[in-house]
Amino acid sequence: MRPRRNDWFAIAAFALVALGNQMLWLTFAPVTTGTAAYYGVSEGRIGLLSEIFPLLYVVLAVPAGLMLDRWMRPVLSAAAALTAAGGLLRLAGDSYAWLVAGQILLAVAQPAILGAVTKIADERLEPVSRPRGISLGSSGLFLGPMVSLALGPIVGVDNGPRTLMWIGAAVASVALLMLLVALRRPGAHEAELSFAPGLSDLRAIWGNPLIRRLSAIAFMGFGIFVAMTTWLQVLLEPRGINSDQAGWLLVGMTLAGTIGALVLPTPVVRRGREGSYLRVAASVTAVAAVVLAVTETIGVTAAAVAMIGFFLLGALPVLLDLVDRSAGGAGASAATAIWLCGNAGGIVLALLVQALVHRPAAAFLLLAVLITTAVPLASGDRSAAP
């Protein structure tokens, strides 16, 4: 059977795999207290289940990128299988040890899934459709956390957290089946993108001035998003916004970001206005952070948080597309540079905000200043075109 020039089913299957992995990662985030009580452990030990992911990502990101560039289909299929297996393994026993074992499998799968966002679009879509494919694939990464944050309060833990775990495992299992069907044959553009990068290629990627600049933008942009999702509830509590309201503000921020990632990148890339958009995104985020520093009303707060999500997450597919075009056949390896810097930014900026959690205005103003430094980095338009 001849491969389709544009295989949107494969992109949709990948987006569902990404959604399932991110859902399972944060299953317990909105129900930490109830889950800790159910398993008879401390809340800190439940929090560690999510922290496994960034720790393993730092170790596995570069190898995952190299393997994806050489063997995309088997590596991505294995990552989807690990995601489904991790979700089911957590249900195999009714103890904390089973949760840890499942989370480790999920965390091992995550680097390959993140790194495949651009690679699968390159191999399955014609060049003109790739920005839209990257946007669709990226949307699963944003929708997964949003679904977990929303399901927690809706489902609750009255009968234990296993209902939430079953939902996540079911999504991951369906996604695995869809992906295996989608990847049973090569992509139409797979042969022309065949590439086996080595250490010299990695040095060239990191030595590319554009990729270094975009990585610095990712450090700030991702860092602010992670800092917001980590500390928003604590920062808003002195203003009378309770944890449930803050949770829905986070859901709104992620939903706005998913919409931004779906609708903004394609027209931006087609018009060659990537640099202009990144400058606008950084500037709007800075203004919204200043608004958060001074406002006391929940309506204005919700609008500012939504604007941050819309523009910051909308910038991710633009960054990935620029990096992908700059890296040639080593697109997955180059994408890991963006993800690595973004994760590092999340850790650093979350720690900086943690030091100011009792001074919310100062914390938001700090985020405004930091994102402003990304404006001059986003210089020029269509500067990454090969």
Protein backbone atom coordinates (compact mmCIF):
# COMPACT_ATOMS: atom_id res chain seq x y z
CA MET A 1 0.00 0.00 0.00
CA ARG A 2 1.41 3.37 -1.01
CA PRO A 3 1.94 5.82 1.89
CA ARG A 4 -0.29 8.89 1.95
CA ARG A 5 1.48 12.18 1.29
CA ASN A 6 -0.25 13.66 4.34
CA ASP A 7 -0.98 11.09 7.04
CA TRP A 8 -3.13 13.00 9.50
CA PHE A 9 -4.27 9.80 11.22
CA ALA A 10 -0.68 9.20 12.36
CA ILE A 11 -0.47 12.75 13.72
CA ALA A 12 -3.76 12.33 15.59
CA ALA A 13 -2.61 8.98 17.01
CA PHE A 14 0.62 10.57 18.19
CA ALA A 15 -1.28 13.46 19.80
CA LEU A 16 -3.37 10.93 21.75
CA VAL A 17 -0.22 9.08 22.87
CA ALA A 18 1.23 12.39 24.08
CA LEU A 19 -2.03 13.23 25.86
CA GLY A 20 -2.07 9.84 27.59
CA ASN A 21 1.52 10.11 28.78
CA GLN A 22 1.01 13.61 30.20
CA MET A 23 -2.30 12.60 31.79
CA LEU A 24 -0.66 9.67 33.56
CA TRP A 25 2.26 11.83 34.66
CA LEU A 26 -0.02 14.21 36.60
CA THR A 27 -2.79 11.83 37.65
CA PHE A 28 -2.27 12.59 41.33
CA ALA A 29 -1.44 16.30 41.12
CA PRO A 30 -5.01 17.52 41.84
CA VAL A 31 -5.74 14.78 44.42
CA THR A 32 -2.43 14.55 46.28
CA THR A 33 -3.93 14.60 49.78
CA GLY A 34 -6.57 11.97 49.06
CA THR A 35 -4.08 9.69 47.28
CA ALA A 36 -1.63 9.93 50.17
CA ALA A 37 -4.39 8.93 52.61
CA TYR A 38 -5.51 6.03 50.39
CA TYR A 39 -2.00 4.52 50.18
CA GLY A 40 -0.99 5.45 53.72
CA VAL A 41 2.02 7.53 52.73
CA SER A 42 2.99 11.19 53.07
CA GLU A 43 1.97 13.84 50.57
CA GLY A 44 5.65 14.34 49.81
CA ARG A 45 5.95 10.73 48.59
CA ILE A 46 3.00 11.27 46.26
CA GLY A 47 4.64 14.44 44.96
CA LEU A 48 7.79 12.43 44.20
CA LEU A 49 5.79 10.41 41.66
CA SER A 50 5.65 13.47 39.40
CA GLU A 51 9.24 14.51 40.10
CA ILE A 52 10.54 11.23 38.63
CA PHE A 53 9.77 12.60 35.16
CA PRO A 54 12.13 15.61 34.97
CA LEU A 55 14.88 13.63 36.68
CA LEU A 56 14.81 10.83 34.11
CA TYR A 57 14.28 13.28 31.26
CA VAL A 58 17.64 14.92 31.87
CA VAL A 59 19.33 11.51 31.63
CA LEU A 60 17.39 10.09 28.68
CA ALA A 61 16.62 13.10 26.45
CA VAL A 62 19.76 13.05 24.27
CA PRO A 63 19.81 9.26 23.73
CA ALA A 64 16.10 9.36 22.92
CA GLY A 65 16.65 12.11 20.32
CA LEU A 66 19.49 10.17 18.66
CA MET A 67 17.43 6.99 18.48
CA LEU A 68 14.39 8.80 17.11
CA ASP A 69 16.42 10.33 14.29
CA ARG A 70 17.65 6.85 13.33
CA TRP A 71 14.66 4.60 14.15
CA MET A 72 11.59 6.80 14.63
CA ARG A 73 8.84 4.19 14.17
CA PRO A 74 10.13 1.45 16.51
CA VAL A 75 11.30 3.94 19.16
CA LEU A 76 8.00 5.85 19.21
CA SER A 77 6.02 2.58 19.21
CA ALA A 78 8.07 1.37 22.18
CA ALA A 79 7.43 4.65 24.02
CA ALA A 80 3.68 4.31 23.44
CA ALA A 81 3.82 0.71 24.67
CA LEU A 82 5.73 1.76 27.81
CA THR A 83 3.11 4.44 28.46
CA ALA A 84 0.25 1.94 28.28
CA ALA A 85 2.22 -0.61 30.33
CA GLY A 86 3.08 1.98 32.98
CA GLY A 87 -0.55 3.01 33.31
CA LEU A 88 -1.67 -0.61 33.72
CA LEU A 89 1.20 -1.53 36.05
CA ARG A 90 0.05 1.08 38.57
CA LEU A 91 -3.21 -0.87 38.79
CA ALA A 92 -1.58 -4.28 39.20
CA GLY A 93 -1.34 -3.94 42.97
CA ASP A 94 -2.81 -1.76 45.67
CA SER A 95 0.43 -0.39 47.09
CA TYR A 96 2.76 2.58 46.69
CA ALA A 97 5.48 0.35 45.21
CA TRP A 98 3.29 -0.40 42.19
CA LEU A 99 2.77 3.33 41.66
CA VAL A 100 6.52 3.92 41.63
CA ALA A 101 7.12 1.07 39.18
CA GLY A 102 4.46 2.38 36.82
CA GLN A 103 5.71 5.96 37.04
CA ILE A 104 9.25 4.86 36.12
CA LEU A 105 7.97 3.23 32.91
CA LEU A 106 5.97 6.35 32.07
CA ALA A 107 8.97 8.59 32.73
CA VAL A 108 11.24 6.45 30.53
CA ALA A 109 8.73 6.84 27.68
CA GLN A 110 8.35 10.62 27.96
CA PRO A 111 11.64 11.77 26.32
CA ALA A 112 10.93 9.83 23.13
CA ILE A 113 7.38 11.19 22.97
CA LEU A 114 8.50 14.80 23.44
CA GLY A 115 11.30 14.39 20.93
CA ALA A 116 9.01 12.90 18.27
CA VAL A 117 6.76 15.98 17.94
CA THR A 118 8.66 17.35 14.93
CA LYS A 119 9.98 14.03 13.61
CA ILE A 120 6.59 12.45 13.01
CA ALA A 121 5.35 15.60 11.27
CA ASP A 122 8.44 15.59 9.02
CA GLU A 123 8.01 11.95 8.02
CA ARG A 124 4.22 11.93 7.63
CA LEU A 125 3.40 15.35 6.15
CA GLU A 126 4.41 17.47 3.19
CA PRO A 127 6.50 20.54 4.12
CA VAL A 128 3.60 23.01 3.79
CA SER A 129 1.53 20.98 6.29
CA ARG A 130 4.25 20.39 8.88
CA PRO A 131 3.66 23.51 11.03
CA ARG A 132 0.02 22.46 11.45
CA GLY A 133 1.12 18.89 12.22
CA ILE A 134 3.54 20.10 14.89
CA SER A 135 0.73 22.19 16.40
CA LEU A 136 -1.65 19.22 16.48
CA GLY A 137 0.97 16.90 17.94
CA SER A 138 1.95 19.48 20.56
CA SER A 139 -1.68 19.92 21.59
CA GLY A 140 -1.67 16.46 23.19
CA LEU A 141 1.16 17.56 25.47
CA PHE A 142 -0.96 20.46 26.75
CA LEU A 143 -4.31 18.71 26.89
CA GLY A 144 -2.96 15.85 29.02
CA PRO A 145 -2.17 17.99 32.09
CA MET A 146 -5.38 19.96 31.60
CA VAL A 147 -7.49 16.77 31.54
CA SER A 148 -5.77 15.51 34.71
CA LEU A 149 -6.29 18.81 36.53
CA ALA A 150 -9.97 18.85 35.54
CA LEU A 151 -10.69 15.17 36.23
CA GLY A 152 -9.30 15.27 39.77
CA PRO A 153 -12.01 17.54 41.23
CA ILE A 154 -14.72 15.95 39.06
CA VAL A 155 -14.00 12.29 39.85
CA GLY A 156 -12.51 12.84 43.30
CA VAL A 157 -11.00 10.14 45.50
CA ASP A 158 -14.00 9.02 47.52
CA ASN A 159 -13.34 5.43 46.42
CA GLY A 160 -9.60 5.89 46.11
CA PRO A 161 -7.66 7.25 43.12
CA ARG A 162 -8.01 4.08 41.07
CA THR A 163 -10.84 5.47 38.93
CA LEU A 164 -8.51 8.23 37.73
CA MET A 165 -5.80 5.65 37.12
CA TRP A 166 -8.14 3.46 35.06
CA ILE A 167 -9.16 6.40 32.89
CA GLY A 168 -5.53 7.26 32.16
CA ALA A 169 -4.59 3.66 31.42
CA ALA A 170 -7.56 3.30 29.06
CA VAL A 171 -6.58 6.42 27.11
CA ALA A 172 -2.97 5.23 26.82
CA SER A 173 -4.05 1.76 25.66
CA VAL A 174 -6.35 3.11 22.94
CA ALA A 175 -3.60 5.51 21.86
CA LEU A 176 -1.11 2.63 21.58
CA LEU A 177 -3.44 0.65 19.32
CA MET A 178 -4.05 3.70 17.11
CA LEU A 179 -0.34 4.44 16.80
CA LEU A 180 0.56 0.84 15.93
CA VAL A 181 -2.01 0.91 13.15
CA ALA A 182 -0.77 4.30 11.93
CA LEU A 183 2.90 3.29 11.93
CA ARG A 184 2.51 -0.14 10.35
CA ARG A 185 3.91 1.30 7.12
CA PRO A 186 6.65 3.89 6.48
CA GLY A 187 5.81 7.56 6.14
CA ALA A 188 5.80 9.05 2.65
CA HIS A 189 8.81 11.22 3.52
CA GLU A 190 10.68 8.77 5.75
CA ALA A 191 13.33 7.75 3.20
CA GLU A 192 14.30 11.31 2.30
CA LEU A 193 14.79 12.12 6.00
CA SER A 194 16.87 9.03 6.80
CA PHE A 195 19.69 10.19 9.06
CA ALA A 196 21.93 8.66 11.71
CA PRO A 197 23.36 11.52 13.81
CA GLY A 198 26.47 11.14 15.91
CA LEU A 199 28.25 13.20 18.53
CA SER A 200 29.66 15.56 15.90
CA ASP A 201 26.12 16.31 14.75
CA LEU A 202 25.08 17.05 18.33
CA ARG A 203 27.99 19.46 18.68
CA ALA A 204 26.88 21.16 15.45
CA ILE A 205 23.33 21.46 16.76
CA TRP A 206 24.44 23.07 20.02
CA GLY A 207 26.91 25.23 18.12
CA ASN A 208 24.18 26.67 15.88
CA PRO A 209 23.66 30.31 17.02
CA LEU A 210 19.96 30.23 16.14
CA ILE A 211 19.32 27.05 18.15
CA ARG A 212 21.19 28.51 21.12
CA ARG A 213 19.07 31.65 20.92
CA LEU A 214 15.83 29.68 20.64
CA SER A 215 16.92 27.49 23.54
CA ALA A 216 17.37 30.59 25.68
CA ILE A 217 13.85 31.72 24.73
CA ALA A 218 12.53 28.27 25.66
CA PHE A 219 14.36 28.50 29.01
CA MET A 220 12.47 31.67 29.88
CA GLY A 221 9.13 30.80 28.30
CA PHE A 222 8.85 27.25 29.63
CA GLY A 223 10.26 28.39 32.94
CA ILE A 224 7.52 30.95 33.42
CA PHE A 225 4.80 28.47 32.48
CA VAL A 226 6.16 25.86 34.92
CA ALA A 227 6.59 28.45 37.68
CA MET A 228 2.99 29.59 37.15
CA THR A 229 1.56 26.07 37.24
CA THR A 230 3.63 25.22 40.32
CA TRP A 231 3.01 28.28 42.49
CA LEU A 232 -0.09 30.07 41.18
CA GLN A 233 -2.39 28.75 43.90
CA VAL A 234 0.02 29.80 46.67
CA LEU A 235 0.61 33.23 45.12
CA LEU A 236 -3.11 33.94 44.77
CA GLU A 237 -4.21 32.65 48.17
CA PRO A 238 -3.51 35.96 50.00
CA ARG A 239 -5.91 37.63 47.57
CA GLY A 240 -8.82 35.44 48.63
CA ILE A 241 -8.64 33.00 45.69
CA ASN A 242 -9.09 29.49 47.06
CA SER A 243 -7.46 26.29 45.79
CA ASP A 244 -10.47 25.20 43.70
CA GLN A 245 -10.59 28.58 41.96
CA ALA A 246 -6.85 28.51 41.37
CA GLY A 247 -7.18 25.00 39.94
CA TRP A 248 -9.73 26.18 37.41
CA LEU A 249 -7.54 29.18 36.57
CA LEU A 250 -4.77 26.70 35.71
CA VAL A 251 -7.17 24.66 33.59
CA GLY A 252 -8.17 27.86 31.79
CA MET A 253 -4.52 28.80 31.23
CA THR A 254 -3.77 25.39 29.72
CA LEU A 255 -6.92 25.42 27.59
CA ALA A 256 -6.07 28.88 26.27
CA GLY A 257 -2.54 27.64 25.56
CA THR A 258 -3.84 24.61 23.66
CA ILE A 259 -6.01 26.87 21.52
CA GLY A 260 -3.06 29.17 20.90
CA ALA A 261 -0.85 26.24 19.89
CA LEU A 262 -3.49 25.06 17.43
CA VAL A 263 -4.43 28.34 15.75
CA LEU A 264 -1.36 30.60 15.87
CA PRO A 265 1.69 28.74 14.48
CA THR A 266 0.41 27.89 10.98
CA PRO A 267 -0.35 31.49 9.87
CA VAL A 268 2.79 32.74 11.64
CA VAL A 269 5.06 30.26 9.84
CA ARG A 270 3.36 30.69 6.47
CA ARG A 271 3.89 34.45 6.63
CA GLY A 272 7.48 34.02 7.82
CA ARG A 273 6.81 36.13 10.93
CA GLU A 274 8.29 33.82 13.55
CA GLY A 275 10.58 36.42 15.14
CA SER A 276 7.81 39.01 15.31
CA TYR A 277 5.45 36.53 16.95
CA LEU A 278 7.98 35.45 19.56
CA ARG A 279 8.61 39.11 20.47
CA VAL A 280 4.87 39.73 20.78
CA ALA A 281 4.44 36.60 22.91
CA ALA A 282 7.20 37.67 25.29
CA SER A 283 5.87 41.24 25.50
CA VAL A 284 2.27 40.20 26.14
CA THR A 285 3.43 37.74 28.82
CA ALA A 286 5.43 40.50 30.52
CA VAL A 287 2.42 42.85 30.54
CA ALA A 288 0.13 40.10 31.86
CA ALA A 289 2.61 39.33 34.66
CA VAL A 290 2.63 42.99 35.67
CA VAL A 291 -1.18 42.94 35.73
CA LEU A 292 -1.06 39.90 38.02
CA ALA A 293 1.27 41.81 40.33
CA VAL A 294 -1.22 44.63 40.88
CA THR A 295 -4.73 43.20 40.41
CA GLU A 296 -6.96 42.00 43.24
CA THR A 297 -9.95 40.81 41.19
CA ILE A 298 -10.42 37.24 40.01
CA GLY A 299 -11.84 38.28 36.62
CA VAL A 300 -8.78 40.33 35.67
CA THR A 301 -6.56 37.58 37.09
CA ALA A 302 -8.28 34.97 34.92
CA ALA A 303 -7.86 37.10 31.81
CA ALA A 304 -4.15 37.70 32.50
CA VAL A 305 -3.49 34.01 33.20
CA ALA A 306 -5.32 33.01 30.00
CA MET A 307 -3.25 35.47 27.93
CA ILE A 308 -0.04 34.01 29.32
CA GLY A 309 -1.14 30.50 28.41
CA PHE A 310 -2.38 31.51 24.95
CA PHE A 311 0.84 33.20 23.87
CA LEU A 312 3.44 31.09 25.70
CA LEU A 313 2.12 27.70 24.64
CA GLY A 314 1.32 29.11 21.21
CA ALA A 315 5.03 29.84 20.86
CA LEU A 316 6.10 26.21 21.40
CA PRO A 317 5.22 24.87 17.91
CA VAL A 318 6.84 27.97 16.38
CA LEU A 319 10.07 27.28 18.29
CA LEU A 320 9.99 23.60 17.36
CA ASP A 321 9.37 24.34 13.69
CA LEU A 322 12.27 26.81 13.58
CA VAL A 323 14.60 24.32 15.26
CA ASP A 324 13.44 21.50 13.01
CA ARG A 325 14.14 23.46 9.82
CA SER A 326 17.52 24.49 11.19
CA ALA A 327 18.60 20.96 12.11
CA GLY A 328 17.76 19.13 8.88
CA GLY A 329 17.58 15.36 9.41
CA ALA A 330 18.52 15.65 13.09
CA GLY A 331 15.18 17.21 13.99
CA ALA A 332 14.47 14.97 16.98
CA SER A 333 17.95 15.54 18.43
CA ALA A 334 17.54 19.29 17.98
CA ALA A 335 14.09 19.23 19.60
CA THR A 336 15.65 17.72 22.71
CA ALA A 337 17.74 20.90 23.05
CA ILE A 338 14.54 22.93 23.31
CA TRP A 339 12.95 20.50 25.79
CA LEU A 340 16.10 20.28 27.90
CA CYS A 341 16.40 24.05 28.17
CA GLY A 342 12.70 24.37 28.85
CA ASN A 343 12.86 21.83 31.68
CA ALA A 344 15.93 23.56 33.10
CA GLY A 345 14.10 26.88 32.97
CA GLY A 346 11.16 25.32 34.78
CA ILE A 347 13.39 24.17 37.63
CA VAL A 348 15.30 27.45 37.96
CA LEU A 349 12.34 29.82 37.70
CA ALA A 350 10.17 27.71 39.98
CA LEU A 351 12.90 27.90 42.63
CA LEU A 352 13.19 31.68 42.18
CA VAL A 353 9.43 32.13 42.57
CA GLN A 354 9.44 29.77 45.58
CA ALA A 355 11.74 32.23 47.34
CA LEU A 356 9.09 34.94 46.83
CA VAL A 357 5.88 33.00 47.51
CA HIS A 358 5.08 35.27 50.47
CA ARG A 359 5.53 38.35 48.26
CA PRO A 360 3.22 37.67 45.29
CA ALA A 361 3.64 41.07 43.65
CA ALA A 362 7.42 40.72 43.67
CA ALA A 363 7.19 37.19 42.27
CA PHE A 364 5.01 38.27 39.32
CA LEU A 365 7.20 41.31 38.64
CA LEU A 366 10.27 39.06 38.58
CA LEU A 367 8.60 36.88 35.93
CA ALA A 368 7.80 40.00 33.91
CA VAL A 369 11.43 41.12 33.99
CA LEU A 370 12.75 37.68 33.08
CA ILE A 371 10.48 37.17 30.06
CA THR A 372 11.39 40.66 28.81
CA THR A 373 14.95 39.38 28.30
CA ALA A 374 13.58 37.04 25.59
CA VAL A 375 12.41 39.96 23.40
CA PRO A 376 15.83 40.86 21.90
CA LEU A 377 16.63 37.15 21.44
CA ALA A 378 13.72 36.79 19.00
CA SER A 379 15.37 38.92 16.32
CA GLY A 380 14.47 38.72 12.65
CA ASP A 381 11.84 36.81 10.71
CA ARG A 382 12.32 33.61 8.73
CA SER A 383 15.91 33.60 9.96
CA ALA A 384 15.93 29.84 10.33
CA ALA A 385 14.74 28.91 6.89
CA PRO A 386 17.05 26.27 5.44
